[in-house]
Each structure stands twice: as structure tokens, then as C-alpha cells.
Amino acid sequence: MKTIEVVAAVIYNNGTYLATQKGDGPFRGQWEFPGGKIEIGETKQEALIREIKEELSLTIEVEKWICTTEYDYPTFHITMHSYLCRMIEGKPILNEHQALKWLPAKDLNNLKWLPADIKTVRLLQE
């Protein structure tokens, strides 16, 4: 089974967290913390900064590691590193997602999350 290593940004602002809704593919309509694949030669933090700039036109600062999740989807295994981040510049623009929501931790369960993101949601709610 193919393994994919990705990073996810848990972006917070005024007591809320940014959730993004997938716009295409087999997981269309489900929610995730934005991010993506780590390219060769990049650190996890560099990949996260680049991915968020591409996906949301935001400049972020990566503050701290939250967790690493391992999950088996039907056609691939994912290793996802989640980091707490804050916005430095810009307003989110949906370049790849179909929607976004800012939610307090207690309301994150109201969304249908991708399975790999659920561990991060639970940790934010503790």
C-alpha cells in the first residue's frame, strides 16, 4: 500500500479554528485541516507554509506540533503531522476547497471530518 506523508495546519484566530471542506475527489464534501504533501528537501514547517499559501493565499506562522496520525484509507496509508498555526497576513481565499468555517473547539464535532483529522479534533477539544 502506498504511503503519503502530509502536514496539516490547525490555524487559530480569536478562539476559533479554521476547517476547510474538500472540493473534489473521493472525499468531496468532507472537512479537513488544510495542508498537503511534503516535497523533497522541505521541512514539515516549510511544506506547511507553502501549502497554506497555495491553498488559501495566507501567510502563517507554525507555532507547535500537535500530533502525528497514522491512518489506512482504502487505497493508501497516510502519515499526517498536525501543527498549531496562526495567521500572519491575508484573509483565507478558497483556491482549492469549496467552503471554510471558523469554529470554536467545542463545535468542531458538528462537521463530517476526514478520518485522519479526527484525532486532531479530539485533542483540540481536551
N, C-alpha and C. Protein backbone atom coordinates (compact mmCIF):
# COMPACT_ATOMS: atom_id res chain seq x y z
N MET A 1 0.84 -1.18 0.00
CA MET A 1 0.00 0.00 0.00
C MET A 1 0.88 1.25 0.00
N LYS A 2 0.52 2.20 -0.83
CA LYS A 2 1.26 3.44 -0.95
C LYS A 2 1.13 4.26 0.34
N THR A 3 2.23 4.86 0.79
CA THR A 3 2.21 5.74 1.97
C THR A 3 2.43 7.17 1.53
N ILE A 4 1.61 8.07 2.07
CA ILE A 4 1.73 9.50 1.78
C ILE A 4 1.99 10.22 3.10
N GLU A 5 3.01 11.08 3.11
CA GLU A 5 3.30 11.88 4.30
C GLU A 5 2.87 13.32 4.03
N VAL A 6 2.03 13.84 4.92
CA VAL A 6 1.47 15.18 4.75
C VAL A 6 1.56 15.97 6.04
N VAL A 7 1.34 17.27 5.90
CA VAL A 7 1.25 18.18 7.05
C VAL A 7 -0.12 18.85 7.02
N ALA A 8 -0.62 19.20 8.21
CA ALA A 8 -1.91 19.86 8.33
C ALA A 8 -1.77 21.07 9.26
N ALA A 9 -2.39 22.17 8.87
CA ALA A 9 -2.35 23.41 9.65
C ALA A 9 -3.63 23.56 10.45
N VAL A 10 -3.48 23.63 11.75
CA VAL A 10 -4.60 23.93 12.64
C VAL A 10 -4.47 25.42 12.93
N ILE A 11 -5.12 26.22 12.09
CA ILE A 11 -4.99 27.68 12.15
C ILE A 11 -6.03 28.22 13.13
N TYR A 12 -5.56 28.98 14.11
CA TYR A 12 -6.49 29.54 15.08
C TYR A 12 -6.54 31.06 14.95
N ASN A 13 -7.70 31.62 15.33
CA ASN A 13 -7.89 33.07 15.28
C ASN A 13 -9.06 33.41 16.21
N ASN A 14 -8.82 34.24 17.19
CA ASN A 14 -9.87 34.69 18.12
C ASN A 14 -10.67 33.55 18.72
N GLY A 15 -9.99 32.51 19.18
CA GLY A 15 -10.66 31.40 19.84
C GLY A 15 -11.35 30.41 18.92
N THR A 16 -11.11 30.52 17.62
CA THR A 16 -11.72 29.59 16.67
C THR A 16 -10.64 28.94 15.81
N TYR A 17 -11.01 27.82 15.19
CA TYR A 17 -10.10 27.06 14.33
C TYR A 17 -10.67 27.00 12.92
N LEU A 18 -9.78 27.03 11.94
CA LEU A 18 -10.19 27.01 10.53
C LEU A 18 -10.35 25.58 10.03
N ALA A 19 -11.55 25.27 9.55
CA ALA A 19 -11.84 23.98 8.91
C ALA A 19 -12.13 24.25 7.44
N THR A 20 -11.63 23.38 6.56
CA THR A 20 -11.87 23.55 5.12
C THR A 20 -12.55 22.31 4.57
N GLN A 21 -13.44 22.54 3.60
CA GLN A 21 -14.22 21.45 3.01
C GLN A 21 -13.64 21.06 1.66
N LYS A 22 -13.37 19.75 1.50
CA LYS A 22 -12.80 19.25 0.25
C LYS A 22 -13.72 19.58 -0.91
N GLY A 23 -13.13 20.02 -2.01
CA GLY A 23 -13.91 20.41 -3.18
C GLY A 23 -13.94 19.38 -4.29
N ASP A 24 -13.05 18.38 -4.22
CA ASP A 24 -13.02 17.38 -5.29
C ASP A 24 -12.53 16.04 -4.77
N GLY A 25 -12.55 15.06 -5.63
CA GLY A 25 -12.04 13.74 -5.29
C GLY A 25 -13.03 12.90 -4.50
N PRO A 26 -12.57 11.72 -4.07
CA PRO A 26 -13.48 10.79 -3.39
C PRO A 26 -13.96 11.28 -2.03
N PHE A 27 -13.29 12.27 -1.45
CA PHE A 27 -13.68 12.78 -0.13
C PHE A 27 -14.37 14.14 -0.23
N ARG A 28 -14.87 14.46 -1.41
CA ARG A 28 -15.56 15.73 -1.65
C ARG A 28 -16.64 15.95 -0.59
N GLY A 29 -16.67 17.15 -0.04
CA GLY A 29 -17.69 17.50 0.94
C GLY A 29 -17.30 17.24 2.38
N GLN A 30 -16.25 16.45 2.61
CA GLN A 30 -15.80 16.21 3.98
C GLN A 30 -14.84 17.33 4.40
N TRP A 31 -14.65 17.46 5.70
CA TRP A 31 -13.86 18.56 6.26
C TRP A 31 -12.48 18.10 6.68
N GLU A 32 -11.54 19.03 6.63
CA GLU A 32 -10.16 18.75 6.99
C GLU A 32 -9.48 20.00 7.49
N PHE A 33 -8.34 19.80 8.13
CA PHE A 33 -7.44 20.92 8.39
C PHE A 33 -6.58 21.03 7.14
N PRO A 34 -6.43 22.24 6.58
CA PRO A 34 -5.72 22.37 5.30
C PRO A 34 -4.25 22.01 5.41
N GLY A 35 -3.68 21.63 4.28
CA GLY A 35 -2.27 21.27 4.21
C GLY A 35 -2.01 20.43 2.98
N GLY A 36 -0.95 19.64 3.03
CA GLY A 36 -0.65 18.81 1.87
C GLY A 36 0.67 18.09 2.00
N LYS A 37 1.13 17.58 0.87
CA LYS A 37 2.33 16.73 0.83
C LYS A 37 3.60 17.54 1.07
N ILE A 38 4.56 16.86 1.68
CA ILE A 38 5.89 17.42 1.90
C ILE A 38 6.72 17.10 0.66
N GLU A 39 7.32 18.13 0.08
CA GLU A 39 8.16 17.93 -1.10
C GLU A 39 9.58 17.59 -0.68
N ILE A 40 10.31 16.95 -1.57
CA ILE A 40 11.70 16.57 -1.30
C ILE A 40 12.51 17.82 -0.95
N GLY A 41 13.25 17.73 0.14
CA GLY A 41 14.10 18.83 0.58
C GLY A 41 13.42 19.83 1.50
N GLU A 42 12.11 19.69 1.71
CA GLU A 42 11.39 20.61 2.60
C GLU A 42 11.32 20.07 4.02
N THR A 43 11.35 20.96 4.97
CA THR A 43 11.00 20.57 6.33
C THR A 43 9.47 20.53 6.40
N LYS A 44 8.94 19.93 7.45
CA LYS A 44 7.49 19.90 7.62
C LYS A 44 6.92 21.31 7.72
N GLN A 45 7.62 22.18 8.43
CA GLN A 45 7.16 23.56 8.59
C GLN A 45 7.19 24.32 7.26
N GLU A 46 8.23 24.13 6.48
CA GLU A 46 8.31 24.78 5.16
C GLU A 46 7.19 24.30 4.25
N ALA A 47 6.91 23.01 4.28
CA ALA A 47 5.83 22.45 3.46
C ALA A 47 4.49 23.06 3.87
N LEU A 48 4.27 23.20 5.15
CA LEU A 48 3.01 23.74 5.65
C LEU A 48 2.83 25.19 5.23
N ILE A 49 3.86 25.99 5.36
CA ILE A 49 3.79 27.39 4.96
C ILE A 49 3.50 27.49 3.45
N ARG A 50 4.17 26.67 2.65
CA ARG A 50 3.94 26.68 1.20
C ARG A 50 2.53 26.23 0.85
N GLU A 51 2.09 25.14 1.43
CA GLU A 51 0.76 24.60 1.12
C GLU A 51 -0.35 25.59 1.48
N ILE A 52 -0.25 26.25 2.61
CA ILE A 52 -1.30 27.18 3.03
C ILE A 52 -1.28 28.42 2.14
N LYS A 53 -0.13 28.83 1.69
CA LYS A 53 -0.04 29.95 0.73
C LYS A 53 -0.74 29.55 -0.58
N GLU A 54 -0.50 28.32 -1.06
CA GLU A 54 -1.10 27.84 -2.31
C GLU A 54 -2.62 27.64 -2.17
N GLU A 55 -3.03 26.99 -1.09
CA GLU A 55 -4.45 26.62 -0.94
C GLU A 55 -5.34 27.77 -0.49
N LEU A 56 -4.81 28.65 0.36
CA LEU A 56 -5.66 29.67 0.98
C LEU A 56 -5.14 31.10 0.83
N SER A 57 -4.01 31.28 0.14
CA SER A 57 -3.40 32.61 -0.03
C SER A 57 -3.13 33.29 1.31
N LEU A 58 -2.77 32.50 2.32
CA LEU A 58 -2.46 33.01 3.65
C LEU A 58 -0.99 32.83 3.97
N THR A 59 -0.45 33.79 4.70
CA THR A 59 0.87 33.62 5.28
C THR A 59 0.65 33.23 6.74
N ILE A 60 1.27 32.13 7.15
CA ILE A 60 1.10 31.63 8.52
C ILE A 60 2.44 31.50 9.23
N GLU A 61 2.36 31.41 10.55
CA GLU A 61 3.50 31.05 11.37
C GLU A 61 3.17 29.71 12.02
N VAL A 62 4.09 28.77 11.91
CA VAL A 62 3.91 27.46 12.53
C VAL A 62 4.40 27.58 13.97
N GLU A 63 3.49 27.36 14.92
CA GLU A 63 3.83 27.57 16.33
C GLU A 63 4.29 26.31 17.03
N LYS A 64 3.50 25.21 16.96
CA LYS A 64 3.93 23.99 17.64
C LYS A 64 3.25 22.77 17.07
N TRP A 65 3.94 21.64 17.21
CA TRP A 65 3.42 20.34 16.78
C TRP A 65 2.30 19.93 17.71
N ILE A 66 1.21 19.39 17.15
CA ILE A 66 0.09 18.89 17.95
C ILE A 66 0.15 17.37 18.04
N CYS A 67 0.20 16.69 16.89
CA CYS A 67 0.23 15.23 16.89
C CYS A 67 0.59 14.71 15.50
N THR A 68 0.91 13.43 15.44
CA THR A 68 1.09 12.73 14.18
C THR A 68 0.08 11.59 14.16
N THR A 69 -0.64 11.49 13.05
CA THR A 69 -1.68 10.48 12.89
C THR A 69 -1.30 9.52 11.78
N GLU A 70 -1.50 8.24 12.03
CA GLU A 70 -1.33 7.21 11.01
C GLU A 70 -2.73 6.68 10.70
N TYR A 71 -3.09 6.59 9.42
CA TYR A 71 -4.43 6.11 9.08
C TYR A 71 -4.39 5.38 7.74
N ASP A 72 -5.10 4.26 7.67
CA ASP A 72 -5.21 3.48 6.43
C ASP A 72 -6.52 3.81 5.73
N TYR A 73 -6.42 4.54 4.62
CA TYR A 73 -7.57 4.73 3.74
C TYR A 73 -7.63 3.50 2.82
N PRO A 74 -8.71 3.32 2.05
CA PRO A 74 -8.82 2.12 1.22
C PRO A 74 -7.66 1.91 0.23
N THR A 75 -7.10 3.02 -0.32
CA THR A 75 -6.08 2.86 -1.35
C THR A 75 -4.69 3.38 -0.97
N PHE A 76 -4.54 3.93 0.24
CA PHE A 76 -3.23 4.44 0.66
C PHE A 76 -3.19 4.58 2.18
N HIS A 77 -1.95 4.65 2.70
CA HIS A 77 -1.72 4.91 4.12
C HIS A 77 -1.24 6.34 4.24
N ILE A 78 -1.76 7.06 5.23
CA ILE A 78 -1.35 8.45 5.42
C ILE A 78 -0.65 8.62 6.76
N THR A 79 0.43 9.38 6.75
CA THR A 79 1.09 9.86 7.96
C THR A 79 0.89 11.36 7.94
N MET A 80 0.12 11.88 8.90
CA MET A 80 -0.22 13.30 8.91
C MET A 80 0.32 13.96 10.17
N HIS A 81 1.12 15.01 9.98
CA HIS A 81 1.69 15.78 11.07
C HIS A 81 0.88 17.07 11.20
N SER A 82 0.21 17.26 12.34
CA SER A 82 -0.62 18.45 12.55
C SER A 82 0.11 19.46 13.43
N TYR A 83 0.01 20.73 13.02
CA TYR A 83 0.69 21.81 13.74
C TYR A 83 -0.28 22.95 14.02
N LEU A 84 -0.16 23.53 15.20
CA LEU A 84 -0.91 24.73 15.54
C LEU A 84 -0.24 25.91 14.83
N CYS A 85 -1.04 26.71 14.13
CA CYS A 85 -0.51 27.82 13.34
C CYS A 85 -1.34 29.07 13.59
N ARG A 86 -0.75 30.22 13.31
CA ARG A 86 -1.52 31.46 13.36
C ARG A 86 -1.31 32.23 12.07
N MET A 87 -2.34 32.99 11.72
CA MET A 87 -2.25 33.81 10.51
C MET A 87 -1.34 35.00 10.78
N ILE A 88 -0.51 35.30 9.79
CA ILE A 88 0.34 36.48 9.87
C ILE A 88 -0.18 37.55 8.91
N GLU A 89 -0.61 37.10 7.72
CA GLU A 89 -1.02 38.05 6.69
C GLU A 89 -2.05 37.41 5.76
N GLY A 90 -3.03 38.21 5.36
CA GLY A 90 -4.02 37.77 4.39
C GLY A 90 -5.33 37.34 5.03
N LYS A 91 -6.30 37.10 4.16
CA LYS A 91 -7.58 36.53 4.53
C LYS A 91 -7.74 35.27 3.71
N PRO A 92 -8.32 34.21 4.26
CA PRO A 92 -8.42 32.95 3.51
C PRO A 92 -9.21 33.10 2.21
N ILE A 93 -8.62 32.62 1.14
CA ILE A 93 -9.26 32.57 -0.19
C ILE A 93 -9.34 31.10 -0.58
N LEU A 94 -10.49 30.67 -1.05
CA LEU A 94 -10.70 29.26 -1.39
C LEU A 94 -10.14 28.95 -2.78
N ASN A 95 -8.85 28.63 -2.84
CA ASN A 95 -8.21 28.27 -4.11
C ASN A 95 -8.43 26.80 -4.46
N GLU A 96 -8.66 25.94 -3.46
CA GLU A 96 -8.83 24.50 -3.70
C GLU A 96 -10.03 23.90 -2.99
N HIS A 97 -10.52 24.54 -1.97
CA HIS A 97 -11.63 24.00 -1.18
C HIS A 97 -12.94 24.63 -1.60
N GLN A 98 -14.06 23.99 -1.23
CA GLN A 98 -15.37 24.55 -1.61
C GLN A 98 -15.97 25.42 -0.52
N ALA A 99 -15.49 25.29 0.72
CA ALA A 99 -16.01 26.11 1.81
C ALA A 99 -15.01 26.13 2.96
N LEU A 100 -15.21 27.07 3.87
CA LEU A 100 -14.43 27.11 5.10
C LEU A 100 -15.32 27.59 6.22
N LYS A 101 -14.93 27.22 7.44
CA LYS A 101 -15.65 27.66 8.63
C LYS A 101 -14.63 27.91 9.73
N TRP A 102 -14.90 28.95 10.53
CA TRP A 102 -14.15 29.20 11.75
C TRP A 102 -15.03 28.73 12.90
N LEU A 103 -14.55 27.77 13.67
CA LEU A 103 -15.35 27.20 14.75
C LEU A 103 -14.56 27.10 16.05
N PRO A 104 -15.25 27.33 17.19
CA PRO A 104 -14.59 27.05 18.47
C PRO A 104 -14.42 25.54 18.61
N ALA A 105 -13.48 25.12 19.42
CA ALA A 105 -13.18 23.69 19.58
C ALA A 105 -14.42 22.87 19.90
N LYS A 106 -15.31 23.39 20.73
CA LYS A 106 -16.49 22.63 21.15
C LYS A 106 -17.44 22.33 19.99
N ASP A 107 -17.38 23.10 18.90
CA ASP A 107 -18.27 22.91 17.76
C ASP A 107 -17.65 22.14 16.60
N LEU A 108 -16.40 21.75 16.72
CA LEU A 108 -15.72 21.04 15.62
C LEU A 108 -16.41 19.71 15.28
N ASN A 109 -17.00 19.06 16.27
CA ASN A 109 -17.68 17.78 16.03
C ASN A 109 -18.92 17.91 15.16
N ASN A 110 -19.38 19.12 14.91
CA ASN A 110 -20.57 19.32 14.07
C ASN A 110 -20.29 19.07 12.59
N LEU A 111 -19.03 18.88 12.24
CA LEU A 111 -18.65 18.66 10.84
C LEU A 111 -18.31 17.20 10.60
N LYS A 112 -18.43 16.76 9.33
CA LYS A 112 -18.02 15.41 8.94
C LYS A 112 -16.56 15.47 8.50
N TRP A 113 -15.66 15.12 9.43
CA TRP A 113 -14.23 15.21 9.21
C TRP A 113 -13.69 13.99 8.45
N LEU A 114 -12.63 14.21 7.70
CA LEU A 114 -11.88 13.09 7.14
C LEU A 114 -11.34 12.27 8.31
N PRO A 115 -11.30 10.95 8.18
CA PRO A 115 -10.87 10.12 9.31
C PRO A 115 -9.51 10.49 9.90
N ALA A 116 -8.55 10.86 9.07
CA ALA A 116 -7.21 11.18 9.58
C ALA A 116 -7.20 12.44 10.44
N ASP A 117 -8.20 13.30 10.30
CA ASP A 117 -8.25 14.55 11.06
C ASP A 117 -8.94 14.41 12.42
N ILE A 118 -9.62 13.31 12.66
CA ILE A 118 -10.43 13.16 13.87
C ILE A 118 -9.57 13.18 15.15
N LYS A 119 -8.40 12.57 15.12
CA LYS A 119 -7.52 12.59 16.30
C LYS A 119 -7.16 14.02 16.68
N THR A 120 -6.86 14.86 15.69
CA THR A 120 -6.51 16.25 15.95
C THR A 120 -7.70 17.00 16.54
N VAL A 121 -8.90 16.77 15.99
CA VAL A 121 -10.11 17.40 16.53
C VAL A 121 -10.28 17.03 18.00
N ARG A 122 -10.12 15.77 18.33
CA ARG A 122 -10.27 15.32 19.72
C ARG A 122 -9.26 15.98 20.65
N LEU A 123 -8.03 16.11 20.20
CA LEU A 123 -7.01 16.76 21.03
C LEU A 123 -7.33 18.23 21.28
N LEU A 124 -7.87 18.90 20.28
CA LEU A 124 -8.24 20.32 20.45
C LEU A 124 -9.37 20.48 21.46
N GLN A 125 -10.20 19.46 21.59
CA GLN A 125 -11.34 19.54 22.49
C GLN A 125 -11.01 19.15 23.93
N GLU A 126 -9.81 18.66 24.16
CA GLU A 126 -9.43 18.26 25.53
C GLU A 126 -9.11 19.47 26.38
